[in-house]
Protein backbone atom coordinates (compact mmCIF):
# COMPACT_ATOMS: atom_id res chain seq x y z
CA MET A 1 21.43 29.81 -19.51
CA ALA A 2 18.24 29.20 -21.51
CA ALA A 3 15.64 31.92 -20.89
CA GLN A 4 12.76 29.45 -20.97
CA ALA A 5 14.19 27.34 -18.13
CA ALA A 6 12.60 27.85 -14.71
CA ILE A 7 15.51 26.00 -13.08
CA GLU A 8 18.94 25.67 -14.61
CA ALA A 9 22.16 24.34 -13.08
CA GLU A 10 25.54 23.88 -14.72
CA GLY A 11 28.41 22.02 -13.05
CA LEU A 12 26.93 22.36 -9.54
CA ARG A 13 29.53 21.44 -6.89
CA LYS A 14 29.46 21.34 -3.10
CA ASN A 15 32.01 20.20 -0.53
CA TYR A 16 31.55 19.44 3.15
CA ARG A 17 35.00 19.55 4.73
CA ASP A 18 36.98 17.03 2.68
CA GLN A 19 33.95 15.31 1.15
CA GLU A 20 32.72 16.30 -2.31
CA VAL A 21 28.94 15.89 -2.08
CA LEU A 22 28.04 17.30 -5.51
CA LYS A 23 30.52 16.66 -8.32
CA GLY A 24 29.13 18.68 -11.21
CA ILE A 25 25.32 18.43 -11.43
CA ASP A 26 23.56 19.75 -14.54
CA LEU A 27 19.80 20.37 -14.51
CA HIS A 28 17.37 21.96 -16.96
CA VAL A 29 13.72 22.29 -15.93
CA PRO A 30 11.34 24.03 -18.37
CA ALA A 31 8.68 26.26 -16.86
CA GLY A 32 5.41 24.54 -15.99
CA THR A 33 6.88 21.04 -15.64
CA VAL A 34 7.80 18.64 -12.84
CA LEU A 35 11.34 17.31 -12.45
CA GLY A 36 11.66 14.24 -10.25
CA LEU A 37 15.03 14.07 -8.50
CA LEU A 38 15.72 10.49 -7.42
CA GLY A 39 18.60 8.87 -5.62
CA PRO A 40 19.54 6.88 -2.52
CA ASN A 41 20.09 8.54 0.86
CA GLY A 42 23.25 10.62 0.75
CA ALA A 43 23.23 10.96 -3.04
CA GLY A 44 23.03 14.78 -2.93
CA LYS A 45 19.31 15.44 -3.53
CA THR A 46 18.69 17.64 -0.49
CA THR A 47 21.99 19.48 -0.97
CA THR A 48 20.91 20.30 -4.52
CA VAL A 49 17.55 21.63 -3.31
CA ARG A 50 19.19 23.71 -0.57
CA ILE A 51 21.56 25.32 -3.07
CA LEU A 52 18.81 26.07 -5.60
CA SER A 53 16.60 27.56 -2.87
CA THR A 54 19.50 29.80 -1.64
CA LEU A 55 19.78 28.10 1.76
CA LEU A 56 23.27 26.85 0.99
CA GLY A 57 26.15 28.35 -0.97
CA LEU A 58 27.71 26.52 -3.89
CA ASP A 59 31.40 25.77 -4.28
CA GLY A 60 31.42 25.54 -8.06
CA GLY A 61 29.23 25.89 -11.09
CA ARG A 62 26.27 28.16 -11.62
CA ALA A 63 22.52 27.99 -11.04
CA ALA A 64 19.51 30.16 -11.83
CA VAL A 65 15.90 29.89 -10.63
CA ALA A 66 13.05 31.85 -12.23
CA GLY A 67 15.68 33.65 -14.29
CA PHE A 68 17.77 34.87 -11.33
CA ASP A 69 21.23 33.71 -10.27
CA VAL A 70 21.03 31.93 -6.91
CA ALA A 71 24.42 33.25 -5.77
CA ALA A 72 24.25 36.82 -7.08
CA GLN A 73 20.48 37.47 -6.69
CA PRO A 74 19.25 35.33 -3.77
CA ARG A 75 16.53 37.80 -2.68
CA GLU A 76 14.96 37.78 -6.13
CA VAL A 77 15.00 33.98 -6.12
CA ARG A 78 13.37 33.78 -2.67
CA ARG A 79 10.54 36.07 -3.77
CA ARG A 80 9.57 33.57 -6.46
CA ILE A 81 9.92 30.18 -4.79
CA GLY A 82 8.22 27.97 -2.24
CA LEU A 83 10.06 25.30 -0.28
CA SER A 84 8.84 22.33 1.72
CA GLY A 85 11.61 20.38 3.45
CA GLN A 86 11.60 16.86 4.77
CA TYR A 87 10.05 17.86 8.10
CA ALA A 88 7.02 20.04 8.76
CA ALA A 89 8.08 23.58 9.72
CA VAL A 90 5.01 24.93 11.52
CA ASP A 91 4.45 26.77 14.82
CA GLU A 92 3.01 24.41 17.44
CA GLU A 93 1.60 27.30 19.50
CA LEU A 94 -0.67 28.54 16.71
CA THR A 95 -3.71 27.09 14.97
CA GLY A 96 -3.48 25.93 11.38
CA ARG A 97 -5.24 29.07 10.15
CA GLU A 98 -3.02 31.33 12.28
CA ASN A 99 0.09 29.71 10.81
CA LEU A 100 -1.03 30.50 7.28
CA VAL A 101 -2.28 34.01 8.08
CA LEU A 102 1.00 34.86 9.84
CA LEU A 103 2.99 33.74 6.81
CA GLY A 104 0.71 35.75 4.53
CA ARG A 105 1.28 38.87 6.62
CA LEU A 106 5.05 38.30 6.54
CA LEU A 107 4.79 38.09 2.75
CA HIS A 108 3.00 41.49 2.75
CA LEU A 109 -0.34 40.16 1.49
CA GLY A 110 -2.23 42.39 3.90
CA ARG A 111 -4.69 41.25 6.56
CA THR A 112 -7.69 40.61 4.32
CA ARG A 113 -5.78 38.83 1.55
CA ALA A 114 -3.79 36.77 4.07
CA ARG A 115 -7.00 35.49 5.71
CA ALA A 116 -8.62 34.73 2.36
CA ARG A 117 -5.51 32.88 1.19
CA ALA A 118 -5.41 30.87 4.42
CA ASP A 119 -9.05 29.81 4.02
CA GLU A 120 -8.45 28.83 0.39
CA LEU A 121 -5.44 26.67 1.26
CA LEU A 122 -7.09 25.01 4.27
CA GLU A 123 -9.93 23.96 1.98
CA ARG A 124 -7.55 22.80 -0.73
CA PHE A 125 -5.60 20.56 1.65
CA ASP A 126 -8.70 19.17 3.39
CA LEU A 127 -7.92 21.04 6.64
CA ALA A 128 -10.88 23.43 6.76
CA ASP A 129 -12.56 21.56 9.63
CA THR A 130 -9.41 21.68 11.76
CA GLY A 131 -8.13 25.11 10.79
CA ASN A 132 -9.00 26.63 14.19
CA LYS A 133 -7.43 23.84 16.22
CA PRO A 134 -3.95 24.23 17.74
CA LEU A 135 -1.16 22.33 16.03
CA ARG A 136 -0.71 20.02 19.03
CA ALA A 137 -4.08 18.48 18.08
CA TYR A 138 -2.86 17.72 14.54
CA SER A 139 -1.62 14.33 13.45
CA GLY A 140 1.75 14.05 11.71
CA GLY A 141 0.05 13.84 8.33
CA MET A 142 -2.05 16.95 9.04
CA ARG A 143 1.06 18.90 10.06
CA ARG A 144 2.72 17.82 6.83
CA ARG A 145 -0.22 18.98 4.74
CA LEU A 146 -0.24 22.34 6.54
CA ASP A 147 3.48 22.70 5.86
CA LEU A 148 2.85 22.02 2.18
CA ALA A 149 0.01 24.56 2.15
CA SER A 150 2.35 27.16 3.61
CA THR A 151 4.65 26.88 0.58
CA LEU A 152 1.81 28.16 -1.60
CA VAL A 153 0.79 31.22 0.42
CA GLY A 154 2.80 33.63 -1.70
CA GLY A 155 1.83 32.12 -5.07
CA PRO A 156 5.38 31.02 -6.03
CA GLU A 157 6.54 30.45 -9.61
CA VAL A 158 8.82 27.58 -8.61
CA ILE A 159 8.27 25.08 -5.79
CA PHE A 160 10.83 22.76 -4.25
CA LEU A 161 9.31 19.70 -2.58
CA ASP A 162 11.94 17.69 -0.69
CA GLU A 163 10.39 14.27 -0.01
CA PRO A 164 7.01 15.95 0.59
CA THR A 165 4.90 12.87 1.26
CA THR A 166 7.10 11.35 3.95
CA GLY A 167 4.77 10.38 6.80
CA LEU A 168 1.57 10.91 4.82
CA ASP A 169 -1.15 8.30 4.61
CA PRO A 170 -2.28 7.20 1.12
CA SER A 171 -5.28 9.54 1.14
CA SER A 172 -3.16 12.59 2.02
CA ARG A 173 -0.61 11.59 -0.60
CA LEU A 174 -3.33 11.62 -3.27
CA VAL A 175 -4.40 15.09 -2.10
CA LEU A 176 -0.84 16.33 -2.57
CA TRP A 177 -0.56 14.75 -6.02
CA SER A 178 -3.77 16.48 -7.07
CA VAL A 179 -2.48 19.83 -5.81
CA VAL A 180 0.81 19.40 -7.68
CA ARG A 181 -1.03 18.59 -10.92
CA ASP A 182 -3.24 21.68 -10.50
CA LEU A 183 -0.22 23.90 -9.87
CA VAL A 184 1.61 22.65 -12.94
CA ALA A 185 -1.52 23.09 -15.06
CA ASN A 186 -1.40 26.76 -14.02
CA GLY A 187 2.23 27.19 -15.03
CA VAL A 188 4.06 26.52 -11.75
CA THR A 189 7.35 24.61 -11.97
CA VAL A 190 8.05 21.85 -9.41
CA LEU A 191 11.27 20.14 -8.42
CA LEU A 192 10.36 17.03 -6.45
CA THR A 193 12.78 14.82 -4.56
CA THR A 194 11.36 11.48 -3.52
CA GLN A 195 12.19 7.88 -2.80
CA TYR A 196 8.63 6.81 -3.58
CA LEU A 197 9.12 5.76 -7.18
CA GLU A 198 5.38 5.54 -7.78
CA GLU A 199 5.25 9.25 -6.96
CA ALA A 200 7.87 10.13 -9.56
CA ASP A 201 6.11 7.91 -12.09
CA GLU A 202 2.80 9.68 -11.42
CA LEU A 203 4.00 13.29 -11.33
CA ALA A 204 7.32 13.85 -13.06
CA ASP A 205 7.61 14.97 -16.68
CA ARG A 206 11.31 14.12 -16.51
CA ILE A 207 13.44 12.29 -13.97
CA VAL A 208 17.07 12.77 -12.97
CA VAL A 209 18.73 10.01 -10.96
CA ILE A 210 21.59 11.21 -8.75
CA ASP A 211 24.07 8.80 -7.21
CA GLN A 212 27.22 9.72 -5.30
CA GLY A 213 26.98 13.36 -6.31
CA VAL A 214 26.68 12.87 -10.08
CA VAL A 215 23.81 12.45 -12.54
CA ALA A 216 23.57 8.72 -13.21
CA ALA A 217 20.73 9.00 -15.75
CA GLU A 218 17.97 11.30 -16.92
CA GLY A 219 14.91 11.15 -19.14
CA THR A 220 11.20 10.48 -18.99
CA ALA A 221 10.03 7.54 -16.91
CA ASP A 222 9.46 5.51 -20.09
CA GLU A 223 12.92 6.36 -21.44
CA LEU A 224 14.59 5.25 -18.23
CA LYS A 225 12.59 2.04 -18.14
CA ARG A 226 13.61 1.21 -21.70
CA LYS A 227 17.26 1.51 -20.66
CA VAL A 228 16.76 -1.37 -18.24
CA GLY A 229 15.13 -3.69 -20.75
CA GLN A 230 12.01 -4.61 -22.68
CA GLU A 231 8.75 -6.06 -21.42
CA ARG A 232 8.90 -9.53 -19.93
CA LEU A 233 6.39 -12.32 -19.62
CA GLU A 234 5.96 -13.61 -16.09
CA VAL A 235 4.82 -17.23 -15.93
CA THR A 236 3.71 -18.73 -12.63
CA VAL A 237 3.31 -22.50 -12.66
CA VAL A 238 1.02 -24.38 -10.30
CA ASP A 239 3.77 -26.86 -9.36
CA PRO A 240 7.29 -25.35 -9.02
CA ALA A 241 8.68 -28.75 -10.02
CA ASP A 242 7.38 -27.98 -13.55
CA LEU A 243 9.74 -25.01 -13.97
CA PRO A 244 12.40 -26.93 -15.97
CA ALA A 245 9.72 -28.24 -18.36
CA ALA A 246 8.21 -24.75 -18.68
CA LEU A 247 11.62 -23.32 -19.46
CA SER A 248 12.18 -25.97 -22.11
CA ALA A 249 8.80 -25.22 -23.71
CA LEU A 250 9.46 -21.47 -23.80
CA ASN A 251 13.10 -21.64 -24.87
CA PRO A 252 12.44 -21.37 -28.66
CA LEU A 253 10.49 -18.13 -28.08
CA MET A 254 12.91 -16.41 -25.72
CA VAL A 255 15.46 -13.66 -26.32
CA GLY A 256 17.86 -12.19 -23.77
CA GLU A 257 18.17 -13.15 -20.14
CA LEU A 258 15.58 -14.69 -17.86
CA THR A 259 14.93 -14.65 -14.13
CA ARG A 260 13.77 -17.68 -12.23
CA ASP A 261 12.29 -18.16 -8.75
CA ASP A 262 12.13 -21.87 -7.93
CA ARG A 263 10.46 -21.29 -4.57
CA LYS A 264 7.54 -19.33 -6.04
CA GLY A 265 7.48 -21.21 -9.33
CA VAL A 266 7.93 -18.07 -11.44
CA LEU A 267 9.79 -17.52 -14.71
CA ALA A 268 10.27 -14.05 -16.19
CA VAL A 269 11.31 -14.23 -19.84
CA GLN A 270 11.73 -11.74 -22.65
CA LEU A 271 9.93 -12.81 -25.82
CA SER A 272 10.83 -11.98 -29.38
CA ASP A 273 7.40 -11.10 -30.71
CA GLY A 274 5.34 -8.96 -28.33
CA LEU A 275 1.68 -9.94 -27.93
CA ALA A 276 2.00 -12.64 -30.55
CA GLY A 277 4.80 -14.08 -28.44
CA VAL A 278 2.54 -14.20 -25.40
CA SER A 279 -0.06 -16.18 -27.35
CA ALA A 280 2.63 -18.54 -28.63
CA ALA A 281 4.01 -18.97 -25.10
CA ALA A 282 0.58 -19.88 -23.72
CA ALA A 283 0.11 -22.44 -26.52
CA ALA A 284 3.58 -23.94 -25.92
CA LEU A 285 2.90 -24.35 -22.19
CA HIS A 286 -0.48 -25.94 -22.94
CA ARG A 287 1.06 -28.42 -25.39
CA ALA A 288 3.64 -29.37 -22.77
CA GLY A 289 0.87 -30.11 -20.26
CA ILE A 290 2.08 -27.50 -17.77
CA GLN A 291 -0.56 -26.02 -15.48
CA VAL A 292 -0.18 -22.26 -15.14
CA SER A 293 -1.71 -20.11 -12.40
CA GLY A 294 -0.50 -16.79 -13.78
CA LEU A 295 0.57 -15.34 -17.11
CA ALA A 296 1.25 -11.60 -17.29
CA GLN A 297 3.31 -9.06 -19.16
CA ARG A 298 5.50 -6.91 -16.98
CA ARG A 299 7.25 -3.70 -17.98
CA PRO A 300 10.43 -2.62 -16.20
CA SER A 301 9.55 -0.33 -13.28
CA LEU A 302 11.34 2.71 -11.91
CA ASP A 303 12.38 0.44 -9.07
CA ASP A 304 14.21 -1.71 -11.65
CA VAL A 305 15.86 1.47 -12.98
CA PHE A 306 16.83 2.59 -9.49
CA LEU A 307 18.33 -0.80 -8.67
CA GLU A 308 20.18 -0.98 -11.99
CA LEU A 309 21.71 2.50 -11.60
CA THR A 310 22.45 2.63 -7.89
CA GLY A 311 22.69 -1.01 -6.83
CA ARG A 312 19.98 -0.41 -4.20
CA ARG A 313 16.23 -0.60 -3.98
CA ALA A 314 14.27 2.53 -3.24
CA ALA A 315 12.55 3.06 0.09
């Protein structure tokens, strides 16, 4: 396995009874980068994270995290990772600060360092004002942020975030994104599973799409989008009855397939000549006397990629 990889998996397999959940997953995550692991529910994302974080044994293949084999050296792996699962794992009987201090003491930081680390993380996750309140007074989003803060107490080299922003409001989600960017800038490696495709687009250096236990595609967000198709021009006509005439006017400029929504009066067409094609399309519609309420270029999105690869839309 490559020495420079913070996470490496080769032929990862896992069975539950008679069901093969992972069918030979390969991953390579360079240190100081973010890998976005995408896929529909049941695709194998959480199983992959649980194996890599030593919570679950593997039935085939090999994996290493921070340079240590997850099967042969699980203690060494655990010393170097942080993990946030899909649900907040915090003690309801303690305050936010007490939760973090307790974890710091368990990680042998010592009393003074554990308290300082707790204060730092409460500030970082916008929880300083509520740090002395019991967890029962926290909202779901606040609990989630505290859970995420707890993954950082020990200063891990590699962090696994399994759908970390589930239940967070937009403001809290932006706080998390900022923290992830800061961590990566300081050399931390992140494996992020998510069904929020905007999140993967914002954070991930590379994306792996898993479906039915296998890798369906991998690459940067731009590379995956290019696999779906080129940019399209979306034309919205004022009167949907003008769609046939609009299509006729644009036909000489079009390449590839088009999509058409008669109810909304929208055509999405791929043009042969980029920005020059957009100008030519606007002129053609004007000459045909077609009133247009919208004219915009649209790139394929990760949602288009997800739908193309898995046959489903993301959450």
